[in-house]
C-alpha atoms as a PDB file:
ATOM      1  CA  UNK A   1      14.971  13.373  37.981  1.00  0.00           C
ATOM      2  CA  UNK A   2      13.732   9.993  36.723  1.00  0.00           C
ATOM      3  CA  UNK A   3      10.433  11.542  35.637  1.00  0.00           C
ATOM      4  CA  UNK A   4      12.283  14.245  33.694  1.00  0.00           C
ATOM      5  CA  UNK A   5      14.448  11.653  31.920  1.00  0.00           C
ATOM      6  CA  UNK A   6      11.380   9.533  31.182  1.00  0.00           C
ATOM      7  CA  UNK A   7       9.567  12.590  29.806  1.00  0.00           C
ATOM      8  CA  UNK A   8      12.509  13.467  27.548  1.00  0.00           C
ATOM      9  CA  UNK A   9      12.756   9.857  26.344  1.00  0.00           C
ATOM     10  CA  UNK A  10       9.024   9.726  25.589  1.00  0.00           C
ATOM     11  CA  UNK A  11       9.243  12.984  23.653  1.00  0.00           C
ATOM     12  CA  UNK A  12      12.280  11.697  21.747  1.00  0.00           C
ATOM     13  CA  UNK A  13      10.464   8.556  20.641  1.00  0.00           C
ATOM     14  CA  UNK A  14       7.425  10.595  19.654  1.00  0.00           C
ATOM     15  CA  UNK A  15       9.639  13.018  17.739  1.00  0.00           C
ATOM     16  CA  UNK A  16      11.296  10.228  15.798  1.00  0.00           C
ATOM     17  CA  UNK A  17       7.989   9.489  14.095  1.00  0.00           C
ATOM     18  CA  UNK A  18       6.710  13.041  13.796  1.00  0.00           C
ATOM     19  CA  UNK A  19       6.532  15.563  10.996  1.00  0.00           C
ATOM     20  CA  UNK A  20       8.990  18.417  10.770  1.00  0.00           C
ATOM     21  CA  UNK A  21       6.411  20.908  12.080  1.00  0.00           C
ATOM     22  CA  UNK A  22       5.610  18.781  15.105  1.00  0.00           C
ATOM     23  CA  UNK A  23       9.309  18.316  15.817  1.00  0.00           C
ATOM     24  CA  UNK A  24       9.808  22.085  15.702  1.00  0.00           C
ATOM     25  CA  UNK A  25       6.920  22.628  18.119  1.00  0.00           C
ATOM     26  CA  UNK A  26       8.276  20.009  20.514  1.00  0.00           C
ATOM     27  CA  UNK A  27      11.776  21.461  20.421  1.00  0.00           C
ATOM     28  CA  UNK A  28      10.344  24.892  21.249  1.00  0.00           C
ATOM     29  CA  UNK A  29       8.568  23.368  24.248  1.00  0.00           C
ATOM     30  CA  UNK A  30      11.741  21.586  25.380  1.00  0.00           C
ATOM     31  CA  UNK A  31      13.734  24.807  24.905  1.00  0.00           C
ATOM     32  CA  UNK A  32      11.274  26.768  27.050  1.00  0.00           C
ATOM     33  CA  UNK A  33      11.132  24.083  29.766  1.00  0.00           C
ATOM     34  CA  UNK A  34      14.925  23.882  29.974  1.00  0.00           C
ATOM     35  CA  UNK A  35      15.750  27.573  29.353  1.00  0.00           C
ATOM     36  CA  UNK A  36      17.800  26.873  26.232  1.00  0.00           C
ATOM     37  CA  UNK A  37      19.282  29.659  24.120  1.00  0.00           C
ATOM     38  CA  UNK A  38      18.257  30.089  20.496  1.00  0.00           C
ATOM     39  CA  UNK A  39      21.518  28.515  19.373  1.00  0.00           C
ATOM     40  CA  UNK A  40      21.040  25.521  21.644  1.00  0.00           C
ATOM     41  CA  UNK A  41      17.437  25.139  20.492  1.00  0.00           C
ATOM     42  CA  UNK A  42      18.537  25.283  16.840  1.00  0.00           C
ATOM     43  CA  UNK A  43      21.236  22.685  17.472  1.00  0.00           C
ATOM     44  CA  UNK A  44      18.721  20.470  19.268  1.00  0.00           C
ATOM     45  CA  UNK A  45      16.231  20.864  16.400  1.00  0.00           C
ATOM     46  CA  UNK A  46      18.889  19.908  13.843  1.00  0.00           C
ATOM     47  CA  UNK A  47      19.825  16.846  15.888  1.00  0.00           C
ATOM     48  CA  UNK A  48      16.185  15.768  16.247  1.00  0.00           C
ATOM     49  CA  UNK A  49      15.478  16.237  12.540  1.00  0.00           C
ATOM     50  CA  UNK A  50      18.583  14.240  11.629  1.00  0.00           C
ATOM     51  CA  UNK A  51      17.730  11.484  14.103  1.00  0.00           C
ATOM     52  CA  UNK A  52      14.117  11.416  12.894  1.00  0.00           C
ATOM     53  CA  UNK A  53      15.272  10.875   9.309  1.00  0.00           C
ATOM     54  CA  UNK A  54      17.649   8.110  10.412  1.00  0.00           C
ATOM     55  CA  UNK A  55      14.908   6.344  12.358  1.00  0.00           C
ATOM     56  CA  UNK A  56      12.461   6.631   9.451  1.00  0.00           C
ATOM     57  CA  UNK A  57      15.085   5.321   7.015  1.00  0.00           C
ATOM     58  CA  UNK A  58      15.945   2.368   9.276  1.00  0.00           C
ATOM     59  CA  UNK A  59      12.271   1.596   9.778  1.00  0.00           C
ATOM     60  CA  UNK A  60      11.660   1.686   6.017  1.00  0.00           C
ATOM     61  CA  UNK A  61      14.570  -0.679   5.431  1.00  0.00           C
ATOM     62  CA  UNK A  62      13.285  -3.101   8.059  1.00  0.00           C
ATOM     63  CA  UNK A  63       9.776  -3.007   6.601  1.00  0.00           C
ATOM     64  CA  UNK A  64      11.158  -3.726   3.122  1.00  0.00           C
ATOM     65  CA  UNK A  65      13.192  -6.645   4.511  1.00  0.00           C
ATOM     66  CA  UNK A  66      10.093  -8.001   6.254  1.00  0.00           C
ATOM     67  CA  UNK A  67       8.065  -7.686   3.040  1.00  0.00           C
ATOM     68  CA  UNK A  68      10.721  -9.545   1.068  1.00  0.00           C
ATOM     69  CA  UNK A  69      10.923 -12.248   3.710  1.00  0.00           C
ATOM     70  CA  UNK A  70       7.143 -12.656   3.801  1.00  0.00           C
ATOM     71  CA  UNK A  71       6.990 -12.773  -0.020  1.00  0.00           C
ATOM     72  CA  UNK A  72       9.637 -15.495  -0.095  1.00  0.00           C
ATOM     73  CA  UNK A  73       7.884 -17.494   2.615  1.00  0.00           C
ATOM     74  CA  UNK A  74       4.609 -17.274   0.678  1.00  0.00           C
ATOM     75  CA  UNK A  75       6.459 -18.217  -2.511  1.00  0.00           C
ATOM     76  CA  UNK A  76       5.260 -15.130  -4.416  1.00  0.00           C
ATOM     77  CA  UNK A  77       6.892 -13.430  -7.370  1.00  0.00           C
ATOM     78  CA  UNK A  78       7.473  -9.708  -7.678  1.00  0.00           C
ATOM     79  CA  UNK A  79       5.948  -7.553 -10.382  1.00  0.00           C
ATOM     80  CA  UNK A  80       9.395  -7.125 -11.965  1.00  0.00           C
ATOM     81  CA  UNK A  81       9.865 -10.909 -12.122  1.00  0.00           C
ATOM     82  CA  UNK A  82       6.425 -11.292 -13.696  1.00  0.00           C
ATOM     83  CA  UNK A  83       7.142  -8.640 -16.329  1.00  0.00           C
ATOM     84  CA  UNK A  84      10.452 -10.358 -17.198  1.00  0.00           C
ATOM     85  CA  UNK A  85       8.670 -13.687 -17.606  1.00  0.00           C
ATOM     86  CA  UNK A  86       5.993 -12.129 -19.801  1.00  0.00           C
ATOM     87  CA  UNK A  87       8.686 -10.638 -22.042  1.00  0.00           C
ATOM     88  CA  UNK A  88      10.417 -14.024 -22.295  1.00  0.00           C
ATOM     89  CA  UNK A  89       7.121 -15.699 -23.175  1.00  0.00           C
ATOM     90  CA  UNK A  90       6.445 -13.148 -25.912  1.00  0.00           C
ATOM     91  CA  UNK A  91       9.910 -13.752 -27.379  1.00  0.00           C
ATOM     92  CA  UNK A  92       9.434 -17.523 -27.262  1.00  0.00           C
ATOM     93  CA  UNK A  93       6.032 -17.190 -28.922  1.00  0.00           C
ATOM     94  CA  UNK A  94       7.655 -15.179 -31.717  1.00  0.00           C
ATOM     95  CA  UNK A  95      10.357 -17.833 -32.145  1.00  0.00           C
ATOM     96  CA  UNK A  96       7.865 -20.712 -32.103  1.00  0.00           C
ATOM     97  CA  UNK A  97       5.460 -19.136 -34.534  1.00  0.00           C
ATOM     98  CA  UNK A  98       4.273 -22.105 -36.572  1.00  0.00           C
ATOM     99  CA  UNK A  99       1.848 -21.838 -39.487  1.00  0.00           C
ATOM    100  CA  UNK A 100      -1.522 -23.394 -38.693  1.00  0.00           C
ATOM    101  CA  UNK A 101      -1.512 -25.717 -41.741  1.00  0.00           C
ATOM    102  CA  UNK A 102       2.106 -26.671 -42.003  1.00  0.00           C
ATOM    103  CA  UNK A 103       3.068 -29.349 -44.527  1.00  0.00           C
ATOM    104  CA  UNK A 104       6.209 -30.240 -42.633  1.00  0.00           C
ATOM    105  CA  UNK A 105       5.723 -31.971 -39.334  1.00  0.00           C
ATOM    106  CA  UNK A 106       6.567 -29.922 -36.343  1.00  0.00           C
ATOM    107  CA  UNK A 107       9.487 -31.070 -34.265  1.00  0.00           C
ATOM    108  CA  UNK A 108       7.739 -29.706 -31.206  1.00  0.00           C
ATOM    109  CA  UNK A 109       4.695 -31.418 -29.758  1.00  0.00           C
ATOM    110  CA  UNK A 110       2.934 -28.062 -29.589  1.00  0.00           C
ATOM    111  CA  UNK A 111      -0.042 -26.722 -31.504  1.00  0.00           C
ATOM    112  CA  UNK A 112       0.228 -23.351 -33.192  1.00  0.00           C
ATOM    113  CA  UNK A 113       0.513 -20.628 -30.639  1.00  0.00           C
ATOM    114  CA  UNK A 114      -1.522 -17.458 -31.090  1.00  0.00           C
ATOM    115  CA  UNK A 115       0.219 -14.220 -30.328  1.00  0.00           C
ATOM    116  CA  UNK A 116      -1.230 -12.509 -27.297  1.00  0.00           C
ATOM    117  CA  UNK A 117      -0.869  -8.889 -26.431  1.00  0.00           C
ATOM    118  CA  UNK A 118       0.305  -8.068 -22.966  1.00  0.00           C
ATOM    119  CA  UNK A 119      -1.001  -4.978 -21.211  1.00  0.00           C
ATOM    120  CA  UNK A 120       1.730  -2.835 -19.771  1.00  0.00           C
END
């Protein structure tokens, strides 16, 4: 009995990370081994597919959380944050556009800033 439970558990874990085709094949094997009807096999397949999607979704969420945590620990910025900063810099450069040979002294201790193009 223990071996049968262990076998079912092992198959369940394997199924959670399998493709739909592999899940279908495994359910057919389980149905044959346990003499399940077509209706029972279909119900089992639906349950396995649903559970597989839940496990994949939870795993994805945990991986994303781990990535965010690692990024924060390494003090890195995301691509979105970098793009926002680049846009702000471009706007500031437009606002600070100072003629190269200005007759009036600049209030800012900054030399003329050349406009750069940012690749998107």
